[in-house]
Amino acid sequence: MVTTTDDYLEELSDLSVGRSERELHTVKVGSGTGSESSTSDGLASVEYESNKENTDVNFVDDPDGQYVAQIDVSAGGTTASVPADTQITEIGVFSTNPDGSVEKLAHVDNFSAVTIPAGNTERFEIDIDYTDT
């Protein structure tokens, strides 16, 4: 289950009245466990991160009308995101100031391990839904 952090809910309140210009920006995946709670401030063990300026991160509407953050992670080889056979168990979406500074965890999800074999790319997604907090 995706969890929206308390910090981000407060940030949404600030955004709604024009007191903040922060935006969802960075997606990270990790191999840790136990980082999913409304008071989380990061992933337990980051394996790879990227942001929306790069082609491996997308923020899109899925066919069900849900807003989704996606990150493509490749394993093995010279241009790989992570070493071969890395197990990914967590994903987080972070907001930043317009200049890219001061990251805050907005959404986090833990899941059963997904192993990325050498030469493969896996897409990880996290639904962004403010009604399931």
Protein backbone atom coordinates (compact mmCIF):
# COMPACT_ATOMS: atom_id res chain seq x y z
CA MET A 1 0.00 0.00 0.00
CA VAL A 2 1.33 3.43 -0.90
CA THR A 3 1.72 5.79 2.04
CA THR A 4 1.69 9.58 1.79
CA THR A 5 3.90 11.15 4.44
CA ASP A 6 2.69 13.68 7.00
CA ASP A 7 5.32 16.16 5.74
CA TYR A 8 3.88 15.99 2.23
CA LEU A 9 0.29 16.38 3.43
CA GLU A 10 1.41 19.57 5.19
CA GLU A 11 3.16 20.63 2.00
CA LEU A 12 -0.05 20.09 0.00
CA SER A 13 -1.83 22.40 2.42
CA ASP A 14 0.85 25.05 1.83
CA LEU A 15 0.58 24.57 -1.95
CA SER A 16 -3.20 25.02 -1.86
CA VAL A 17 -2.87 28.51 -0.36
CA GLY A 18 0.18 29.58 -2.37
CA ARG A 19 2.76 29.29 0.43
CA SER A 20 4.93 26.74 -1.41
CA GLU A 21 6.28 26.12 -4.90
CA ARG A 22 7.63 22.62 -4.23
CA GLU A 23 7.01 19.90 -6.82
CA LEU A 24 7.30 16.14 -7.18
CA HIS A 25 10.69 15.67 -8.76
CA THR A 26 12.77 12.61 -7.82
CA VAL A 27 12.03 8.89 -7.73
CA LYS A 28 14.24 6.48 -5.78
CA VAL A 29 14.22 2.69 -5.46
CA GLY A 30 15.88 0.69 -2.73
CA SER A 31 16.52 -2.69 -1.20
CA GLY A 32 15.51 -1.91 2.37
CA THR A 33 12.43 -2.73 4.40
CA GLY A 34 10.38 -1.01 7.04
CA SER A 35 10.46 2.52 5.64
CA GLU A 36 6.75 2.78 4.85
CA SER A 37 4.94 4.98 7.34
CA SER A 38 3.41 8.44 7.41
CA THR A 39 6.44 9.67 9.39
CA SER A 40 9.07 8.22 7.00
CA ASP A 41 11.68 10.66 5.74
CA GLY A 42 13.52 8.45 3.24
CA LEU A 43 14.10 4.96 1.94
CA ALA A 44 15.90 2.43 4.12
CA SER A 45 18.56 1.60 1.51
CA VAL A 46 18.66 3.54 -1.77
CA GLU A 47 19.96 1.56 -4.76
CA TYR A 48 19.14 4.04 -7.56
CA GLU A 49 17.60 7.46 -8.01
CA SER A 50 16.73 9.71 -10.89
CA ASN A 51 14.53 12.73 -11.55
CA LYS A 52 12.00 13.98 -14.05
CA GLU A 53 14.67 15.72 -16.14
CA ASN A 54 15.92 12.25 -17.16
CA THR A 55 14.26 9.84 -19.59
CA ASP A 56 14.08 7.01 -17.02
CA VAL A 57 11.54 8.87 -14.84
CA ASN A 58 7.97 9.73 -15.83
CA PHE A 59 4.98 11.19 -14.03
CA VAL A 60 1.90 10.08 -16.01
CA ASP A 61 -1.83 9.45 -15.84
CA ASP A 62 -2.49 5.72 -16.13
CA PRO A 63 -5.53 4.30 -18.00
CA ASP A 64 -7.55 4.32 -14.75
CA GLY A 65 -7.01 8.06 -14.32
CA GLN A 66 -4.52 7.56 -11.47
CA TYR A 67 -1.40 9.73 -11.37
CA VAL A 68 1.66 7.45 -11.37
CA ALA A 69 5.40 7.98 -10.93
CA GLN A 70 7.54 5.55 -12.94
CA ILE A 71 11.27 4.77 -12.92
CA ASP A 72 13.09 2.41 -15.28
CA VAL A 73 16.00 0.57 -13.64
CA SER A 74 18.52 -1.47 -15.63
CA ALA A 75 20.98 -4.02 -14.24
CA GLY A 76 24.46 -5.14 -15.25
CA GLY A 77 26.65 -3.66 -17.96
CA THR A 78 28.50 -0.38 -18.26
CA THR A 79 25.42 1.86 -18.44
CA ALA A 80 23.37 0.01 -15.82
CA SER A 81 21.51 1.73 -13.01
CA VAL A 82 22.29 -1.06 -10.52
CA PRO A 83 24.49 -4.20 -10.39
CA ALA A 84 23.08 -7.43 -11.83
CA ASP A 85 20.67 -9.34 -9.59
CA THR A 86 19.89 -6.34 -7.37
CA GLN A 87 16.67 -6.87 -5.43
CA ILE A 88 14.37 -3.85 -5.26
CA THR A 89 11.83 -3.76 -2.39
CA GLU A 90 10.94 -0.09 -1.95
CA ILE A 91 10.13 3.00 -3.98
CA GLY A 92 9.77 6.63 -2.95
CA VAL A 93 8.76 9.88 -4.62
CA PHE A 94 10.40 13.05 -3.34
CA SER A 95 9.42 16.69 -3.70
CA THR A 96 11.92 19.52 -4.01
CA ASN A 97 12.09 23.27 -4.14
CA PRO A 98 12.04 24.72 -7.69
CA ASP A 99 15.87 24.86 -7.68
CA GLY A 100 16.06 21.13 -6.84
CA SER A 101 17.11 21.64 -3.24
CA VAL A 102 15.69 20.28 0.02
CA GLU A 103 14.21 16.89 -0.83
CA LYS A 104 11.27 15.61 1.19
CA LEU A 105 9.74 12.16 0.92
CA ALA A 106 6.18 12.50 -0.36
CA HIS A 107 5.07 8.92 -1.13
CA VAL A 108 6.59 5.56 -0.22
CA ASP A 109 5.78 1.91 -0.90
CA ASN A 110 7.39 -1.38 0.16
CA PHE A 111 6.75 -4.56 -1.83
CA SER A 112 8.02 -8.09 -2.37
CA ALA A 113 11.52 -8.19 -3.82
CA VAL A 114 11.92 -7.82 -7.57
CA THR A 115 15.29 -9.09 -8.83
CA ILE A 116 16.73 -7.39 -11.91
CA PRO A 117 18.91 -9.83 -13.89
CA ALA A 118 21.92 -8.63 -15.91
CA GLY A 119 20.92 -6.93 -19.15
CA ASN A 120 17.29 -6.39 -18.08
CA THR A 121 15.33 -3.25 -17.31
CA GLU A 122 12.40 -3.18 -14.89
CA ARG A 123 9.83 -0.41 -14.58
CA PHE A 124 8.75 0.40 -11.04
CA GLU A 125 5.59 2.43 -10.45
CA ILE A 126 4.01 4.11 -7.48
CA ASP A 127 0.42 5.40 -7.50
CA ILE A 128 0.00 8.89 -6.16
CA ASP A 129 -3.41 8.99 -4.48
CA TYR A 130 -4.14 11.45 -1.70
CA THR A 131 -7.36 9.70 -0.66
CA ASP A 132 -5.63 6.51 0.60
CA THR A 133 -3.58 8.06 3.38
